[in-house]
Amino acid sequence: MSSDLLLPLVTSAAWLVLVGSALASHRLGWGQMLKMALVWVAIFLGLYVIVEWFMVVQGTTSNLI
């Protein structure tokens, strides 16, 4: 992992904490809260993978030109 990705990783973790605190404020049951938290984690990980893939593809195409 490069130092350029450190800030997005930290901000993503901060957003997850914010989402987690908002989710906890609804006072749902543990099962439903865990399910919703896992969905949010999957959303953030999916976005991270898409952005990382885009950056890798963009970097390889710039090396070809």
N, C-alpha and C. Protein backbone atom coordinates (compact mmCIF):
# COMPACT_ATOMS: atom_id res chain seq x y z
N MET A 1 0.86 -1.18 0.00
CA MET A 1 0.00 0.00 0.00
C MET A 1 0.90 1.23 0.00
N SER A 2 0.58 2.16 -0.87
CA SER A 2 1.37 3.37 -0.96
C SER A 2 0.85 4.42 0.02
N SER A 3 1.66 5.43 0.22
CA SER A 3 1.26 6.49 1.15
C SER A 3 0.13 7.33 0.57
N ASP A 4 -0.07 7.27 -0.74
CA ASP A 4 -1.17 8.01 -1.36
C ASP A 4 -2.53 7.43 -1.00
N LEU A 5 -2.56 6.17 -0.64
CA LEU A 5 -3.82 5.52 -0.29
C LEU A 5 -4.13 5.58 1.19
N LEU A 6 -3.24 6.13 1.98
CA LEU A 6 -3.44 6.17 3.42
C LEU A 6 -4.61 7.08 3.80
N LEU A 7 -4.67 8.26 3.23
CA LEU A 7 -5.76 9.18 3.56
C LEU A 7 -7.13 8.63 3.17
N PRO A 8 -7.31 8.10 1.95
CA PRO A 8 -8.63 7.51 1.64
C PRO A 8 -9.00 6.34 2.55
N LEU A 9 -8.01 5.57 2.96
CA LEU A 9 -8.29 4.45 3.85
C LEU A 9 -8.75 4.94 5.22
N VAL A 10 -8.09 5.97 5.73
CA VAL A 10 -8.46 6.53 7.04
C VAL A 10 -9.84 7.19 6.97
N THR A 11 -10.11 7.92 5.90
CA THR A 11 -11.42 8.56 5.79
C THR A 11 -12.53 7.52 5.61
N SER A 12 -12.24 6.43 4.91
CA SER A 12 -13.24 5.37 4.78
C SER A 12 -13.54 4.74 6.14
N ALA A 13 -12.50 4.55 6.95
CA ALA A 13 -12.72 4.02 8.29
C ALA A 13 -13.54 5.00 9.13
N ALA A 14 -13.29 6.29 8.97
CA ALA A 14 -14.06 7.29 9.71
C ALA A 14 -15.53 7.27 9.27
N TRP A 15 -15.78 7.12 7.97
CA TRP A 15 -17.16 7.02 7.50
C TRP A 15 -17.84 5.79 8.05
N LEU A 16 -17.10 4.68 8.15
CA LEU A 16 -17.69 3.46 8.73
C LEU A 16 -18.06 3.68 10.20
N VAL A 17 -17.24 4.41 10.94
CA VAL A 17 -17.57 4.72 12.34
C VAL A 17 -18.82 5.59 12.40
N LEU A 18 -18.90 6.56 11.50
CA LEU A 18 -20.08 7.43 11.46
C LEU A 18 -21.34 6.63 11.14
N VAL A 19 -21.25 5.76 10.16
CA VAL A 19 -22.39 4.91 9.79
C VAL A 19 -22.75 3.98 10.94
N GLY A 20 -21.73 3.43 11.60
CA GLY A 20 -21.98 2.54 12.73
C GLY A 20 -22.69 3.25 13.88
N SER A 21 -22.30 4.48 14.15
CA SER A 21 -22.95 5.22 15.24
C SER A 21 -24.39 5.59 14.87
N ALA A 22 -24.62 5.91 13.60
CA ALA A 22 -25.99 6.19 13.16
C ALA A 22 -26.85 4.93 13.23
N LEU A 23 -26.25 3.81 12.87
CA LEU A 23 -26.98 2.54 12.94
C LEU A 23 -27.29 2.17 14.39
N ALA A 24 -26.36 2.40 15.29
CA ALA A 24 -26.59 2.08 16.70
C ALA A 24 -27.67 2.97 17.32
N SER A 25 -27.85 4.17 16.77
CA SER A 25 -28.87 5.06 17.33
C SER A 25 -30.29 4.58 17.06
N HIS A 26 -30.46 3.68 16.11
CA HIS A 26 -31.79 3.14 15.82
C HIS A 26 -32.22 2.07 16.82
N ARG A 27 -31.29 1.59 17.63
CA ARG A 27 -31.56 0.60 18.67
C ARG A 27 -32.29 -0.64 18.12
N LEU A 28 -31.71 -1.21 17.09
CA LEU A 28 -32.26 -2.42 16.50
C LEU A 28 -31.77 -3.64 17.27
N GLY A 29 -32.33 -4.79 16.94
CA GLY A 29 -31.84 -6.03 17.54
C GLY A 29 -30.45 -6.35 17.00
N TRP A 30 -29.71 -7.17 17.75
CA TRP A 30 -28.32 -7.47 17.38
C TRP A 30 -28.23 -8.14 16.02
N GLY A 31 -29.14 -9.03 15.71
CA GLY A 31 -29.10 -9.74 14.44
C GLY A 31 -29.29 -8.82 13.25
N GLN A 32 -30.28 -7.96 13.33
CA GLN A 32 -30.54 -7.03 12.23
C GLN A 32 -29.45 -5.98 12.14
N MET A 33 -28.93 -5.54 13.28
CA MET A 33 -27.86 -4.55 13.26
C MET A 33 -26.59 -5.13 12.64
N LEU A 34 -26.28 -6.38 12.96
CA LEU A 34 -25.10 -7.01 12.39
C LEU A 34 -25.26 -7.18 10.88
N LYS A 35 -26.46 -7.56 10.45
CA LYS A 35 -26.72 -7.71 9.03
C LYS A 35 -26.55 -6.39 8.29
N MET A 36 -27.09 -5.32 8.84
CA MET A 36 -26.97 -4.00 8.20
C MET A 36 -25.53 -3.52 8.22
N ALA A 37 -24.80 -3.77 9.29
CA ALA A 37 -23.40 -3.36 9.36
C ALA A 37 -22.57 -4.11 8.32
N LEU A 38 -22.85 -5.39 8.13
CA LEU A 38 -22.12 -6.15 7.12
C LEU A 38 -22.44 -5.65 5.70
N VAL A 39 -23.66 -5.22 5.48
CA VAL A 39 -24.01 -4.65 4.18
C VAL A 39 -23.22 -3.36 3.94
N TRP A 40 -23.10 -2.52 4.96
CA TRP A 40 -22.32 -1.28 4.81
C TRP A 40 -20.84 -1.58 4.57
N VAL A 41 -20.31 -2.56 5.27
CA VAL A 41 -18.91 -2.94 5.07
C VAL A 41 -18.72 -3.44 3.64
N ALA A 42 -19.67 -4.23 3.15
CA ALA A 42 -19.58 -4.73 1.78
C ALA A 42 -19.65 -3.59 0.77
N ILE A 43 -20.48 -2.59 1.02
CA ILE A 43 -20.57 -1.43 0.12
C ILE A 43 -19.25 -0.69 0.08
N PHE A 44 -18.67 -0.41 1.25
CA PHE A 44 -17.41 0.32 1.29
C PHE A 44 -16.27 -0.49 0.67
N LEU A 45 -16.22 -1.77 0.94
CA LEU A 45 -15.17 -2.60 0.35
C LEU A 45 -15.34 -2.69 -1.17
N GLY A 46 -16.57 -2.79 -1.63
CA GLY A 46 -16.82 -2.82 -3.06
C GLY A 46 -16.37 -1.54 -3.75
N LEU A 47 -16.69 -0.40 -3.14
CA LEU A 47 -16.25 0.88 -3.70
C LEU A 47 -14.73 0.99 -3.69
N TYR A 48 -14.11 0.51 -2.62
CA TYR A 48 -12.65 0.55 -2.52
C TYR A 48 -12.01 -0.30 -3.62
N VAL A 49 -12.56 -1.48 -3.84
CA VAL A 49 -12.01 -2.36 -4.88
C VAL A 49 -12.20 -1.74 -6.26
N ILE A 50 -13.34 -1.13 -6.52
CA ILE A 50 -13.58 -0.50 -7.82
C ILE A 50 -12.61 0.65 -8.05
N VAL A 51 -12.43 1.50 -7.05
CA VAL A 51 -11.50 2.63 -7.18
C VAL A 51 -10.07 2.13 -7.34
N GLU A 52 -9.68 1.14 -6.56
CA GLU A 52 -8.33 0.59 -6.66
C GLU A 52 -8.11 -0.03 -8.04
N TRP A 53 -9.10 -0.76 -8.54
CA TRP A 53 -9.00 -1.36 -9.86
C TRP A 53 -8.86 -0.27 -10.92
N PHE A 54 -9.64 0.80 -10.81
CA PHE A 54 -9.57 1.90 -11.77
C PHE A 54 -8.20 2.55 -11.75
N MET A 55 -7.63 2.73 -10.56
CA MET A 55 -6.30 3.34 -10.46
C MET A 55 -5.23 2.43 -11.06
N VAL A 56 -5.34 1.14 -10.87
CA VAL A 56 -4.38 0.19 -11.45
C VAL A 56 -4.49 0.19 -12.96
N VAL A 57 -5.71 0.14 -13.48
CA VAL A 57 -5.91 0.14 -14.93
C VAL A 57 -5.41 1.45 -15.54
N GLN A 58 -5.67 2.55 -14.88
CA GLN A 58 -5.23 3.85 -15.37
C GLN A 58 -3.71 3.92 -15.37
N GLY A 59 -3.08 3.35 -14.38
CA GLY A 59 -1.62 3.35 -14.30
C GLY A 59 -0.97 2.48 -15.37
N THR A 60 -1.59 1.34 -15.67
CA THR A 60 -1.02 0.46 -16.70
C THR A 60 -1.23 1.02 -18.08
N THR A 61 -2.34 1.73 -18.31
CA THR A 61 -2.54 2.31 -19.63
C THR A 61 -1.60 3.48 -19.86
N SER A 62 -1.28 4.21 -18.82
CA SER A 62 -0.35 5.33 -19.00
C SER A 62 1.06 4.82 -19.25
N ASN A 63 1.39 3.62 -18.77
CA ASN A 63 2.71 3.04 -19.06
C ASN A 63 2.79 2.56 -20.50
N LEU A 64 1.67 2.18 -21.10
CA LEU A 64 1.67 1.70 -22.47
C LEU A 64 1.85 2.83 -23.48
N ILE A 65 1.39 4.01 -23.12
CA ILE A 65 1.44 5.14 -24.06
C ILE A 65 2.79 5.81 -24.04
